[in-house]
Amino acid sequence: MVADNIEQRIYALVKPYAGTYLFTKKNITLTPETDLDFDLSIDELEAEDLMAEFFNIFLVQKGRFNIKTYFPDENMSLNPFRKNAPTAVPDFTIGMLIASAKAGRWLYD
C-alpha cells in the first residue's frame, strides 16, 4: 500500500512536466518505463527543477546524481559541414524515481 502511494505521488509530481505544446496538452500515459527526456521531451532546466522537487519531497539522498549524466553538453562545432555523432545517454525513467524513492537514495550513480 505504501509503495503504491509513492508511485502515485511520483506520477503526480511528474505529470505537470508531461508537456504543453502550442496550447495543447500532450496526452501521455505515465508508466515506470516512461523516459523523462525522450517520452516527455523535458529539457535540462525542467529536469533539474523536477529532480530538486523529487529529492526534497521524497527525502531521497542525492548521492552522486548529476543532471549532466542524462543531459550531457553537446559538442558544438562552428563548421556547418561537420556532423557530430549523437551522444549516447542512459535511460532516465519514472521507474528510476520510484525505485530510488523506495530506497531513500539515488540508485543510479
C-alpha atoms as a PDB file:
ATOM      1  CA  MET A   1       0.000   0.000   0.000  1.00  0.00           C
ATOM      2  CA  VAL A   2       2.803   2.441   0.903  1.00  0.00           C
ATOM      3  CA  ALA A   3       4.666   1.550  -2.311  1.00  0.00           C
ATOM      4  CA  ASP A   4       1.544   2.307  -4.385  1.00  0.00           C
ATOM      5  CA  ASN A   5       1.269   5.651  -2.603  1.00  0.00           C
ATOM      6  CA  ILE A   6       4.880   6.505  -3.503  1.00  0.00           C
ATOM      7  CA  GLU A   7       4.243   5.597  -7.135  1.00  0.00           C
ATOM      8  CA  GLN A   8       1.077   7.700  -7.313  1.00  0.00           C
ATOM      9  CA  ARG A   9       2.830  10.664  -5.665  1.00  0.00           C
ATOM     10  CA  ILE A  10       5.687  10.431  -8.176  1.00  0.00           C
ATOM     11  CA  TYR A  11       3.236  10.305 -11.093  1.00  0.00           C
ATOM     12  CA  ALA A  12       1.556  13.411  -9.635  1.00  0.00           C
ATOM     13  CA  LEU A  13       4.950  15.125  -9.366  1.00  0.00           C
ATOM     14  CA  VAL A  14       5.927  14.269 -12.958  1.00  0.00           C
ATOM     15  CA  LYS A  15       2.541  14.952 -14.602  1.00  0.00           C
ATOM     16  CA  PRO A  16       2.978  18.761 -14.868  1.00  0.00           C
ATOM     17  CA  TYR A  17       6.219  18.122 -16.753  1.00  0.00           C
ATOM     18  CA  ALA A  18       4.426  15.970 -19.340  1.00  0.00           C
ATOM     19  CA  GLY A  19       4.423  18.961 -21.653  1.00  0.00           C
ATOM     20  CA  THR A  20       2.219  21.502 -23.288  1.00  0.00           C
ATOM     21  CA  TYR A  21       2.851  22.148 -26.946  1.00  0.00           C
ATOM     22  CA  LEU A  22       1.403  25.225 -28.619  1.00  0.00           C
ATOM     23  CA  PHE A  23      -1.563  25.450 -26.274  1.00  0.00           C
ATOM     24  CA  THR A  24      -2.382  21.737 -26.413  1.00  0.00           C
ATOM     25  CA  LYS A  25      -1.569  19.188 -23.745  1.00  0.00           C
ATOM     26  CA  LYS A  26       0.436  16.177 -24.904  1.00  0.00           C
ATOM     27  CA  ASN A  27      -1.590  13.122 -23.877  1.00  0.00           C
ATOM     28  CA  ILE A  28       0.873  10.610 -22.410  1.00  0.00           C
ATOM     29  CA  THR A  29       0.090   7.757 -20.068  1.00  0.00           C
ATOM     30  CA  LEU A  30       2.772   7.749 -17.395  1.00  0.00           C
ATOM     31  CA  THR A  31       4.298   4.369 -16.579  1.00  0.00           C
ATOM     32  CA  PRO A  32       7.534   3.277 -14.884  1.00  0.00           C
ATOM     33  CA  GLU A  33       9.021   2.896 -18.388  1.00  0.00           C
ATOM     34  CA  THR A  34       8.241   6.496 -19.368  1.00  0.00           C
ATOM     35  CA  ASP A  35      11.538   8.185 -20.226  1.00  0.00           C
ATOM     36  CA  LEU A  36      11.668  11.719 -18.877  1.00  0.00           C
ATOM     37  CA  ASP A  37      13.721  13.240 -21.666  1.00  0.00           C
ATOM     38  CA  PHE A  38      12.683  11.077 -24.622  1.00  0.00           C
ATOM     39  CA  ASP A  39       8.969  10.458 -23.977  1.00  0.00           C
ATOM     40  CA  LEU A  40       8.152  13.687 -22.131  1.00  0.00           C
ATOM     41  CA  SER A  41      10.593  15.893 -24.048  1.00  0.00           C
ATOM     42  CA  ILE A  42      11.541  17.836 -20.957  1.00  0.00           C
ATOM     43  CA  ASP A  43      14.694  19.888 -21.210  1.00  0.00           C
ATOM     44  CA  GLU A  44      17.626  20.062 -18.832  1.00  0.00           C
ATOM     45  CA  LEU A  45      16.290  23.007 -16.804  1.00  0.00           C
ATOM     46  CA  GLU A  46      12.905  21.341 -16.326  1.00  0.00           C
ATOM     47  CA  ALA A  47      14.652  18.112 -15.330  1.00  0.00           C
ATOM     48  CA  GLU A  48      16.741  19.995 -12.770  1.00  0.00           C
ATOM     49  CA  ASP A  49      13.578  21.519 -11.287  1.00  0.00           C
ATOM     50  CA  LEU A  50      11.821  18.147 -11.257  1.00  0.00           C
ATOM     51  CA  MET A  51      14.740  16.410  -9.578  1.00  0.00           C
ATOM     52  CA  ALA A  52      15.150  19.168  -6.961  1.00  0.00           C
ATOM     53  CA  GLU A  53      11.466  18.702  -6.071  1.00  0.00           C
ATOM     54  CA  PHE A  54      11.869  14.920  -6.115  1.00  0.00           C
ATOM     55  CA  PHE A  55      14.858  14.898  -3.730  1.00  0.00           C
ATOM     56  CA  ASN A  56      13.163  17.392  -1.400  1.00  0.00           C
ATOM     57  CA  ILE A  57       9.659  15.902  -1.303  1.00  0.00           C
ATOM     58  CA  PHE A  58      10.695  12.246  -1.047  1.00  0.00           C
ATOM     59  CA  LEU A  59      13.763  12.905   1.161  1.00  0.00           C
ATOM     60  CA  VAL A  60      15.957  10.943  -1.243  1.00  0.00           C
ATOM     61  CA  GLN A  61      19.715  11.221  -0.755  1.00  0.00           C
ATOM     62  CA  LYS A  62      21.234  12.580  -3.966  1.00  0.00           C
ATOM     63  CA  GLY A  63      24.475  10.627  -3.752  1.00  0.00           C
ATOM     64  CA  ARG A  64      26.417  11.311  -6.944  1.00  0.00           C
ATOM     65  CA  PHE A  65      23.367  12.268  -9.021  1.00  0.00           C
ATOM     66  CA  ASN A  66      24.406  14.633 -11.798  1.00  0.00           C
ATOM     67  CA  ILE A  67      21.921  16.002 -14.325  1.00  0.00           C
ATOM     68  CA  LYS A  68      24.712  16.067 -16.938  1.00  0.00           C
ATOM     69  CA  THR A  69      24.628  12.256 -16.948  1.00  0.00           C
ATOM     70  CA  TYR A  70      21.218  12.470 -18.612  1.00  0.00           C
ATOM     71  CA  PHE A  71      21.661  15.818 -20.399  1.00  0.00           C
ATOM     72  CA  PRO A  72      25.302  15.978 -21.488  1.00  0.00           C
ATOM     73  CA  ASP A  73      26.678  19.107 -23.089  1.00  0.00           C
ATOM     74  CA  GLU A  74      26.662  18.781 -26.842  1.00  0.00           C
ATOM     75  CA  ASN A  75      29.967  19.075 -28.680  1.00  0.00           C
ATOM     76  CA  MET A  76      29.120  22.001 -30.895  1.00  0.00           C
ATOM     77  CA  SER A  77      31.176  22.751 -33.957  1.00  0.00           C
ATOM     78  CA  LEU A  78      31.169  26.057 -35.817  1.00  0.00           C
ATOM     79  CA  ASN A  79      31.776  24.145 -39.028  1.00  0.00           C
ATOM     80  CA  PRO A  80      28.324  23.649 -40.646  1.00  0.00           C
ATOM     81  CA  PHE A  81      29.628  20.716 -42.724  1.00  0.00           C
ATOM     82  CA  ARG A  82      30.830  18.706 -39.756  1.00  0.00           C
ATOM     83  CA  LYS A  83      28.208  16.429 -38.277  1.00  0.00           C
ATOM     84  CA  ASN A  84      28.550  15.417 -34.661  1.00  0.00           C
ATOM     85  CA  ALA A  85      27.781  11.863 -33.688  1.00  0.00           C
ATOM     86  CA  PRO A  86      24.768  11.646 -31.372  1.00  0.00           C
ATOM     87  CA  THR A  87      25.729  11.393 -27.726  1.00  0.00           C
ATOM     88  CA  ALA A  88      24.516   8.191 -26.067  1.00  0.00           C
ATOM     89  CA  VAL A  89      22.739   8.866 -22.786  1.00  0.00           C
ATOM     90  CA  PRO A  90      21.401   6.408 -20.231  1.00  0.00           C
ATOM     91  CA  ASP A  91      17.686   5.925 -19.649  1.00  0.00           C
ATOM     92  CA  PHE A  92      16.087   8.434 -17.288  1.00  0.00           C
ATOM     93  CA  THR A  93      12.711   6.914 -16.377  1.00  0.00           C
ATOM     94  CA  ILE A  94       9.914   7.338 -13.893  1.00  0.00           C
ATOM     95  CA  GLY A  95      10.751   3.823 -12.670  1.00  0.00           C
ATOM     96  CA  MET A  96      14.165   5.109 -11.600  1.00  0.00           C
ATOM     97  CA  LEU A  97      12.470   7.768  -9.462  1.00  0.00           C
ATOM     98  CA  ILE A  98      10.094   5.207  -7.962  1.00  0.00           C
ATOM     99  CA  ALA A  99      12.878   2.736  -7.090  1.00  0.00           C
ATOM    100  CA  SER A 100      15.063   5.488  -5.618  1.00  0.00           C
ATOM    101  CA  ALA A 101      12.189   6.923  -3.555  1.00  0.00           C
ATOM    102  CA  LYS A 102      11.508   3.471  -2.106  1.00  0.00           C
ATOM    103  CA  ALA A 103      15.230   3.030  -1.309  1.00  0.00           C
ATOM    104  CA  GLY A 104      15.642   6.556   0.087  1.00  0.00           C
ATOM    105  CA  ARG A 105      18.696   7.234  -2.079  1.00  0.00           C
ATOM    106  CA  TRP A 106      19.501   7.736  -5.761  1.00  0.00           C
ATOM    107  CA  LEU A 107      20.314   4.257  -7.054  1.00  0.00           C
ATOM    108  CA  TYR A 108      21.779   5.199 -10.422  1.00  0.00           C
ATOM    109  CA  ASP A 109      25.203   6.785  -9.926  1.00  0.00           C
END
